Amino acid sequence: MTAEGAFDMKLGEGSEPATYVTLPSGERGVEVRGVAFSMTEDAAGRGLSGNSDDQRRVLDELRRDYRLTSEAPTLAFETGERA
């Protein structure tokens, strides 16, 4: 996995430090809280998806910490520049 650049992942009313990465499969992903995720991008925006135990744990933590009510398998986010 190769790091590509840090950014702030905007979730609800807050933001979480994250890094764009290239996953071992060669696809672009996002690392947040030390766990790498596949990233989805479409007309609706960007999202994280993952199904491993660590990925589900981090998604649950992010939903709890940022008071997000969505239980969808993909967690949508916006990006912001890091200061």
PDB file of N, CA and C in Angstrom:
ATOM      1  N   MET A   1       0.852  -1.170   0.000  1.00  0.00           N
ATOM      2  CA  MET A   1       0.000   0.000   0.000  1.00  0.00           C
ATOM      3  C   MET A   1       0.900   1.237   0.000  1.00  0.00           C
ATOM      4  N   THR A   2       0.587   2.194  -0.863  1.00  0.00           N
ATOM      5  CA  THR A   2       1.381   3.399  -1.006  1.00  0.00           C
ATOM      6  C   THR A   2       0.543   4.624  -0.669  1.00  0.00           C
ATOM      7  N   ALA A   3       1.058   5.503   0.199  1.00  0.00           N
ATOM      8  CA  ALA A   3       0.347   6.734   0.555  1.00  0.00           C
ATOM      9  C   ALA A   3       0.477   7.745  -0.572  1.00  0.00           C
ATOM     10  N   GLU A   4      -0.612   8.473  -0.841  1.00  0.00           N
ATOM     11  CA  GLU A   4      -0.629   9.449  -1.933  1.00  0.00           C
ATOM     12  C   GLU A   4      -0.848  10.877  -1.458  1.00  0.00           C
ATOM     13  N   GLY A   5      -1.428  11.083  -0.302  1.00  0.00           N
ATOM     14  CA  GLY A   5      -1.654  12.447   0.167  1.00  0.00           C
ATOM     15  C   GLY A   5      -2.702  12.507   1.253  1.00  0.00           C
ATOM     16  N   ALA A   6      -2.467  13.375   2.222  1.00  0.00           N
ATOM     17  CA  ALA A   6      -3.375  13.521   3.356  1.00  0.00           C
ATOM     18  C   ALA A   6      -4.477  14.516   3.032  1.00  0.00           C
ATOM     19  N   PHE A   7      -5.629  14.315   3.628  1.00  0.00           N
ATOM     20  CA  PHE A   7      -6.754  15.222   3.490  1.00  0.00           C
ATOM     21  C   PHE A   7      -7.658  15.087   4.704  1.00  0.00           C
ATOM     22  N   ASP A   8      -8.596  16.001   4.832  1.00  0.00           N
ATOM     23  CA  ASP A   8      -9.602  15.910   5.882  1.00  0.00           C
ATOM     24  C   ASP A   8     -10.868  15.329   5.281  1.00  0.00           C
ATOM     25  N   MET A   9     -11.324  14.237   5.843  1.00  0.00           N
ATOM     26  CA  MET A   9     -12.550  13.580   5.406  1.00  0.00           C
ATOM     27  C   MET A   9     -13.691  14.212   6.202  1.00  0.00           C
ATOM     28  N   LYS A  10     -14.580  14.936   5.516  1.00  0.00           N
ATOM     29  CA  LYS A  10     -15.686  15.611   6.184  1.00  0.00           C
ATOM     30  C   LYS A  10     -16.851  14.651   6.369  1.00  0.00           C
ATOM     31  N   LEU A  11     -17.246  14.513   7.635  1.00  0.00           N
ATOM     32  CA  LEU A  11     -18.345  13.621   8.016  1.00  0.00           C
ATOM     33  C   LEU A  11     -19.293  14.394   8.907  1.00  0.00           C
ATOM     34  N   GLY A  12     -20.504  14.584   8.485  1.00  0.00           N
ATOM     35  CA  GLY A  12     -21.460  15.325   9.303  1.00  0.00           C
ATOM     36  C   GLY A  12     -20.936  16.707   9.614  1.00  0.00           C
ATOM     37  N   GLU A  13     -20.866  17.042  10.887  1.00  0.00           N
ATOM     38  CA  GLU A  13     -20.410  18.363  11.321  1.00  0.00           C
ATOM     39  C   GLU A  13     -18.920  18.400  11.642  1.00  0.00           C
ATOM     40  N   GLY A  14     -18.210  17.295  11.441  1.00  0.00           N
ATOM     41  CA  GLY A  14     -16.789  17.257  11.790  1.00  0.00           C
ATOM     42  C   GLY A  14     -15.929  16.767  10.653  1.00  0.00           C
ATOM     43  N   SER A  15     -14.671  16.516  10.970  1.00  0.00           N
ATOM     44  CA  SER A  15     -13.761  15.974   9.966  1.00  0.00           C
ATOM     45  C   SER A  15     -12.767  15.025  10.625  1.00  0.00           C
ATOM     46  N   GLU A  16     -12.264  14.114   9.831  1.00  0.00           N
ATOM     47  CA  GLU A  16     -11.358  13.064  10.300  1.00  0.00           C
ATOM     48  C   GLU A  16     -10.133  13.059   9.385  1.00  0.00           C
ATOM     49  N   PRO A  17      -8.909  13.030   9.957  1.00  0.00           N
ATOM     50  CA  PRO A  17      -7.720  12.943   9.114  1.00  0.00           C
ATOM     51  C   PRO A  17      -7.714  11.623   8.337  1.00  0.00           C
ATOM     52  N   ALA A  18      -7.368  11.696   7.071  1.00  0.00           N
ATOM     53  CA  ALA A  18      -7.325  10.506   6.223  1.00  0.00           C
ATOM     54  C   ALA A  18      -6.232  10.679   5.175  1.00  0.00           C
ATOM     55  N   THR A  19      -5.906   9.581   4.516  1.00  0.00           N
ATOM     56  CA  THR A  19      -4.871   9.592   3.483  1.00  0.00           C
ATOM     57  C   THR A  19      -5.344   8.797   2.284  1.00  0.00           C
ATOM     58  N   TYR A  20      -5.170   9.378   1.082  1.00  0.00           N
ATOM     59  CA  TYR A  20      -5.396   8.603  -0.130  1.00  0.00           C
ATOM     60  C   TYR A  20      -4.258   7.603  -0.248  1.00  0.00           C
ATOM     61  N   VAL A  21      -4.580   6.379  -0.622  1.00  0.00           N
ATOM     62  CA  VAL A  21      -3.570   5.334  -0.774  1.00  0.00           C
ATOM     63  C   VAL A  21      -3.844   4.542  -2.051  1.00  0.00           C
ATOM     64  N   THR A  22      -2.812   3.857  -2.508  1.00  0.00           N
ATOM     65  CA  THR A  22      -2.976   2.864  -3.559  1.00  0.00           C
ATOM     66  C   THR A  22      -2.977   1.514  -2.864  1.00  0.00           C
ATOM     67  N   LEU A  23      -4.060   0.777  -3.002  1.00  0.00           N
ATOM     68  CA  LEU A  23      -4.193  -0.527  -2.361  1.00  0.00           C
ATOM     69  C   LEU A  23      -3.331  -1.560  -3.081  1.00  0.00           C
ATOM     70  N   PRO A  24      -3.019  -2.696  -2.444  1.00  0.00           N
ATOM     71  CA  PRO A  24      -2.206  -3.732  -3.087  1.00  0.00           C
ATOM     72  C   PRO A  24      -2.766  -4.191  -4.437  1.00  0.00           C
ATOM     73  N   SER A  25      -4.074  -4.082  -4.608  1.00  0.00           N
ATOM     74  CA  SER A  25      -4.706  -4.479  -5.870  1.00  0.00           C
ATOM     75  C   SER A  25      -4.470  -3.455  -6.975  1.00  0.00           C
ATOM     76  N   GLY A  26      -3.925  -2.285  -6.607  1.00  0.00           N
ATOM     77  CA  GLY A  26      -3.682  -1.220  -7.568  1.00  0.00           C
ATOM     78  C   GLY A  26      -4.779  -0.178  -7.618  1.00  0.00           C
ATOM     79  N   GLU A  27      -5.910  -0.440  -6.941  1.00  0.00           N
ATOM     80  CA  GLU A  27      -6.998   0.529  -6.948  1.00  0.00           C
ATOM     81  C   GLU A  27      -6.750   1.619  -5.910  1.00  0.00           C
ATOM     82  N   ARG A  28      -7.402   2.769  -6.123  1.00  0.00           N
ATOM     83  CA  ARG A  28      -7.268   3.879  -5.192  1.00  0.00           C
ATOM     84  C   ARG A  28      -8.149   3.624  -3.980  1.00  0.00           C
ATOM     85  N   GLY A  29      -7.619   3.962  -2.810  1.00  0.00           N
ATOM     86  CA  GLY A  29      -8.361   3.777  -1.578  1.00  0.00           C
ATOM     87  C   GLY A  29      -8.107   4.914  -0.620  1.00  0.00           C
ATOM     88  N   VAL A  30      -8.604   4.742   0.596  1.00  0.00           N
ATOM     89  CA  VAL A  30      -8.448   5.730   1.660  1.00  0.00           C
ATOM     90  C   VAL A  30      -8.060   4.990   2.930  1.00  0.00           C
ATOM     91  N   GLU A  31      -7.070   5.529   3.639  1.00  0.00           N
ATOM     92  CA  GLU A  31      -6.715   4.988   4.948  1.00  0.00           C
ATOM     93  C   GLU A  31      -7.205   5.962   6.006  1.00  0.00           C
ATOM     94  N   VAL A  32      -7.966   5.445   6.954  1.00  0.00           N
ATOM     95  CA  VAL A  32      -8.466   6.245   8.056  1.00  0.00           C
ATOM     96  C   VAL A  32      -8.373   5.409   9.335  1.00  0.00           C
ATOM     97  N   ARG A  33      -7.872   6.027  10.391  1.00  0.00           N
ATOM     98  CA  ARG A  33      -7.670   5.346  11.677  1.00  0.00           C
ATOM     99  C   ARG A  33      -6.851   4.072  11.520  1.00  0.00           C
ATOM    100  N   GLY A  34      -5.874   4.113  10.598  1.00  0.00           N
ATOM    101  CA  GLY A  34      -4.956   2.997  10.414  1.00  0.00           C
ATOM    102  C   GLY A  34      -5.495   1.837   9.604  1.00  0.00           C
ATOM    103  N   VAL A  35      -6.677   1.977   9.037  1.00  0.00           N
ATOM    104  CA  VAL A  35      -7.301   0.896   8.266  1.00  0.00           C
ATOM    105  C   VAL A  35      -7.556   1.390   6.849  1.00  0.00           C
ATOM    106  N   ALA A  36      -7.191   0.575   5.863  1.00  0.00           N
ATOM    107  CA  ALA A  36      -7.382   0.926   4.452  1.00  0.00           C
ATOM    108  C   ALA A  36      -8.751   0.456   3.963  1.00  0.00           C
ATOM    109  N   PHE A  37      -9.370   1.291   3.137  1.00  0.00           N
ATOM    110  CA  PHE A  37     -10.688   1.018   2.570  1.00  0.00           C
ATOM    111  C   PHE A  37     -10.655   1.202   1.067  1.00  0.00           C
ATOM    112  N   SER A  38     -11.508   0.477   0.365  1.00  0.00           N
ATOM    113  CA  SER A  38     -11.777   0.781  -1.030  1.00  0.00           C
ATOM    114  C   SER A  38     -12.573   2.071  -1.050  1.00  0.00           C
ATOM    115  N   MET A  39     -12.340   2.873  -2.088  1.00  0.00           N
ATOM    116  CA  MET A  39     -13.082   4.122  -2.216  1.00  0.00           C
ATOM    117  C   MET A  39     -13.973   4.040  -3.441  1.00  0.00           C
ATOM    118  N   THR A  40     -15.223   4.441  -3.269  1.00  0.00           N
ATOM    119  CA  THR A  40     -16.144   4.507  -4.390  1.00  0.00           C
ATOM    120  C   THR A  40     -16.299   5.968  -4.788  1.00  0.00           C
ATOM    121  N   GLU A  41     -16.398   6.217  -6.072  1.00  0.00           N
ATOM    122  CA  GLU A  41     -16.651   7.558  -6.582  1.00  0.00           C
ATOM    123  C   GLU A  41     -17.686   7.455  -7.682  1.00  0.00           C
ATOM    124  N   ASP A  42     -18.747   8.262  -7.551  1.00  0.00           N
ATOM    125  CA  ASP A  42     -19.766   8.316  -8.591  1.00  0.00           C
ATOM    126  C   ASP A  42     -20.384   9.705  -8.582  1.00  0.00           C
ATOM    127  N   ALA A  43     -21.454   9.883  -9.320  1.00  0.00           N
ATOM    128  CA  ALA A  43     -22.090  11.199  -9.417  1.00  0.00           C
ATOM    129  C   ALA A  43     -22.560  11.707  -8.055  1.00  0.00           C
ATOM    130  N   ALA A  44     -22.855  10.804  -7.134  1.00  0.00           N
ATOM    131  CA  ALA A  44     -23.332  11.189  -5.806  1.00  0.00           C
ATOM    132  C   ALA A  44     -22.199  11.623  -4.886  1.00  0.00           C
ATOM    133  N   GLY A  45     -20.954  11.295  -5.222  1.00  0.00           N
ATOM    134  CA  GLY A  45     -19.821  11.680  -4.391  1.00  0.00           C
ATOM    135  C   GLY A  45     -18.901  10.514  -4.100  1.00  0.00           C
ATOM    136  N   ARG A  46     -18.164  10.635  -2.996  1.00  0.00           N
ATOM    137  CA  ARG A  46     -17.186   9.621  -2.592  1.00  0.00           C
ATOM    138  C   ARG A  46     -17.700   8.858  -1.389  1.00  0.00           C
ATOM    139  N   GLY A  47     -17.212   7.623  -1.263  1.00  0.00           N
ATOM    140  CA  GLY A  47     -17.596   6.823  -0.119  1.00  0.00           C
ATOM    141  C   GLY A  47     -16.550   5.778   0.202  1.00  0.00           C
ATOM    142  N   LEU A  48     -16.578   5.281   1.427  1.00  0.00           N
ATOM    143  CA  LEU A  48     -15.717   4.189   1.870  1.00  0.00           C
ATOM    144  C   LEU A  48     -16.547   2.926   1.912  1.00  0.00           C
ATOM    145  N   SER A  49     -15.946   1.827   1.507  1.00  0.00           N
ATOM    146  CA  SER A  49     -16.638   0.554   1.669  1.00  0.00           C
ATOM    147  C   SER A  49     -15.628  -0.488   2.107  1.00  0.00           C
ATOM    148  N   GLY A  50     -16.094  -1.426   2.895  1.00  0.00           N
ATOM    149  CA  GLY A  50     -15.234  -2.497   3.371  1.00  0.00           C
ATOM    150  C   GLY A  50     -16.031  -3.485   4.188  1.00  0.00           C
ATOM    151  N   ASN A  51     -15.543  -4.716   4.223  1.00  0.00           N
ATOM    152  CA  ASN A  51     -16.298  -5.757   4.901  1.00  0.00           C
ATOM    153  C   ASN A  51     -15.462  -6.567   5.888  1.00  0.00           C
ATOM    154  N   SER A  52     -14.193  -6.202   6.077  1.00  0.00           N
ATOM    155  CA  SER A  52     -13.396  -6.941   7.063  1.00  0.00           C
ATOM    156  C   SER A  52     -13.811  -6.502   8.469  1.00  0.00           C
ATOM    157  N   ASP A  53     -13.403  -7.248   9.468  1.00  0.00           N
ATOM    158  CA  ASP A  53     -13.740  -6.896  10.846  1.00  0.00           C
ATOM    159  C   ASP A  53     -13.214  -5.507  11.201  1.00  0.00           C
ATOM    160  N   ASP A  54     -11.941  -5.203  10.840  1.00  0.00           N
ATOM    161  CA  ASP A  54     -11.366  -3.897  11.141  1.00  0.00           C
ATOM    162  C   ASP A  54     -12.108  -2.784  10.406  1.00  0.00           C
ATOM    163  N   GLN A  55     -12.446  -3.016   9.148  1.00  0.00           N
ATOM    164  CA  GLN A  55     -13.174  -2.003   8.387  1.00  0.00           C
ATOM    165  C   GLN A  55     -14.550  -1.744   8.986  1.00  0.00           C
ATOM    166  N   ARG A  56     -15.264  -2.776   9.336  1.00  0.00           N
ATOM    167  CA  ARG A  56     -16.589  -2.591   9.955  1.00  0.00           C
ATOM    168  C   ARG A  56     -16.467  -1.871  11.292  1.00  0.00           C
ATOM    169  N   ARG A  57     -15.440  -2.204  12.063  1.00  0.00           N
ATOM    170  CA  ARG A  57     -15.224  -1.543  13.358  1.00  0.00           C
ATOM    171  C   ARG A  57     -15.006  -0.048  13.160  1.00  0.00           C
ATOM    172  N   VAL A  58     -14.129   0.330  12.222  1.00  0.00           N
ATOM    173  CA  VAL A  58     -13.845   1.746  11.993  1.00  0.00           C
ATOM    174  C   VAL A  58     -15.078   2.462  11.449  1.00  0.00           C
ATOM    175  N   LEU A  59     -15.808   1.848  10.521  1.00  0.00           N
ATOM    176  CA  LEU A  59     -17.036   2.466  10.013  1.00  0.00           C
ATOM    177  C   LEU A  59     -18.029   2.701  11.146  1.00  0.00           C
ATOM    178  N   ASP A  60     -18.183   1.720  12.032  1.00  0.00           N
ATOM    179  CA  ASP A  60     -19.082   1.873  13.186  1.00  0.00           C
ATOM    180  C   ASP A  60     -18.604   2.999  14.109  1.00  0.00           C
ATOM    181  N   GLU A  61     -17.283   3.085  14.352  1.00  0.00           N
ATOM    182  CA  GLU A  61     -16.733   4.146  15.197  1.00  0.00           C
ATOM    183  C   GLU A  61     -16.987   5.521  14.582  1.00  0.00           C
ATOM    184  N   LEU A  62     -16.767   5.643  13.266  1.00  0.00           N
ATOM    185  CA  LEU A  62     -16.991   6.926  12.600  1.00  0.00           C
ATOM    186  C   LEU A  62     -18.458   7.332  12.675  1.00  0.00           C
ATOM    187  N   ARG A  63     -19.351   6.376  12.451  1.00  0.00           N
ATOM    188  CA  ARG A  63     -20.787   6.678  12.555  1.00  0.00           C
ATOM    189  C   ARG A  63     -21.146   7.146  13.962  1.00  0.00           C
ATOM    190  N   ARG A  64     -20.589   6.466  14.967  1.00  0.00           N
ATOM    191  CA  ARG A  64     -20.870   6.832  16.356  1.00  0.00           C
ATOM    192  C   ARG A  64     -20.250   8.195  16.685  1.00  0.00           C
ATOM    193  N   ASP A  65     -18.975   8.392  16.365  1.00  0.00           N
ATOM    194  CA  ASP A  65     -18.274   9.625  16.736  1.00  0.00           C
ATOM    195  C   ASP A  65     -18.849  10.863  16.052  1.00  0.00           C
ATOM    196  N   TYR A  66     -19.352  10.700  14.829  1.00  0.00           N
ATOM    197  CA  TYR A  66     -19.882  11.845  14.087  1.00  0.00           C
ATOM    198  C   TYR A  66     -21.408  11.835  14.019  1.00  0.00           C
ATOM    199  N   ARG A  67     -22.009  10.969  14.807  1.00  0.00           N
ATOM    200  CA  ARG A  67     -23.471  10.880  14.936  1.00  0.00           C
ATOM    201  C   ARG A  67     -24.165  10.740  13.591  1.00  0.00           C
ATOM    202  N   LEU A  68     -23.662   9.801  12.795  1.00  0.00           N
ATOM    203  CA  LEU A  68     -24.247   9.516  11.490  1.00  0.00           C
ATOM    204  C   LEU A  68     -25.223   8.361  11.650  1.00  0.00           C
ATOM    205  N   THR A  69     -26.401   8.504  11.110  1.00  0.00           N
ATOM    206  CA  THR A  69     -27.437   7.488  11.306  1.00  0.00           C
ATOM    207  C   THR A  69     -27.486   6.448  10.195  1.00  0.00           C
ATOM    208  N   SER A  70     -26.773   6.657   9.119  1.00  0.00           N
ATOM    209  CA  SER A  70     -26.798   5.722   7.996  1.00  0.00           C
ATOM    210  C   SER A  70     -26.194   4.373   8.395  1.00  0.00           C
ATOM    211  N   GLU A  71     -26.858   3.307   8.015  1.00  0.00           N
ATOM    212  CA  GLU A  71     -26.337   1.957   8.227  1.00  0.00           C
ATOM    213  C   GLU A  71     -25.934   1.323   6.899  1.00  0.00           C
ATOM    214  N   ALA A  72     -25.888   2.129   5.847  1.00  0.00           N
ATOM    215  CA  ALA A  72     -25.525   1.625   4.520  1.00  0.00           C
ATOM    216  C   ALA A  72     -24.110   1.047   4.550  1.00  0.00           C
ATOM    217  N   PRO A  73     -23.820   0.078   3.676  1.00  0.00           N
ATOM    218  CA  PRO A  73     -22.488  -0.528   3.671  1.00  0.00           C
ATOM    219  C   PRO A  73     -21.398   0.433   3.203  1.00  0.00           C
ATOM    220  N   THR A  74     -21.774   1.537   2.557  1.00  0.00           N
ATOM    221  CA  THR A  74     -20.818   2.546   2.117  1.00  0.00           C
ATOM    222  C   THR A  74     -21.030   3.818   2.923  1.00  0.00           C
ATOM    223  N   LEU A  75     -19.957   4.393   3.446  1.00  0.00           N
ATOM    224  CA  LEU A  75     -20.015   5.623   4.227  1.00  0.00           C
ATOM    225  C   LEU A  75     -19.594   6.780   3.334  1.00  0.00           C
ATOM    226  N   ALA A  76     -20.527   7.673   3.028  1.00  0.00           N
ATOM    227  CA  ALA A  76     -20.249   8.819   2.157  1.00  0.00           C
ATOM    228  C   ALA A  76     -19.451   9.873   2.911  1.00  0.00           C
ATOM    229  N   PHE A  77     -18.582  10.583   2.166  1.00  0.00           N
ATOM    230  CA  PHE A  77     -17.812  11.665   2.760  1.00  0.00           C
ATOM    231  C   PHE A  77     -17.485  12.716   1.704  1.00  0.00           C
ATOM    232  N   GLU A  78     -17.130  13.897   2.191  1.00  0.00           N
ATOM    233  CA  GLU A  78     -16.622  14.977   1.344  1.00  0.00           C
ATOM    234  C   GLU A  78     -15.177  15.198   1.734  1.00  0.00           C
ATOM    235  N   THR A  79     -14.438  15.903   0.882  1.00  0.00           N
ATOM    236  CA  THR A  79     -13.030  16.134   1.173  1.00  0.00           C
ATOM    237  C   THR A  79     -12.768  17.601   1.440  1.00  0.00           C
ATOM    238  N   GLY A  80     -11.753  17.833   2.253  1.00  0.00           N
ATOM    239  CA  GLY A  80     -11.277  19.181   2.534  1.00  0.00           C
ATOM    240  C   GLY A  80      -9.766  19.149   2.572  1.00  0.00           C
ATOM    241  N   GLU A  81      -9.158  20.275   2.289  1.00  0.00           N
ATOM    242  CA  GLU A  81      -7.695  20.348   2.321  1.00  0.00           C
ATOM    243  C   GLU A  81      -7.198  20.381   3.754  1.00  0.00           C
ATOM    244  N   ARG A  82      -6.034  19.830   3.951  1.00  0.00           N
ATOM    245  CA  ARG A  82      -5.418  19.851   5.278  1.00  0.00           C
ATOM    246  C   ARG A  82      -4.583  21.096   5.417  1.00  0.00           C
ATOM    247  N   ALA A  83      -4.664  21.682   6.578  1.00  0.00           N
ATOM    248  CA  ALA A  83      -3.886  22.905   6.837  1.00  0.00           C
ATOM    249  C   ALA A  83      -2.443  22.564   7.136  1.00  0.00           C
TER     250      ALA A  83
END
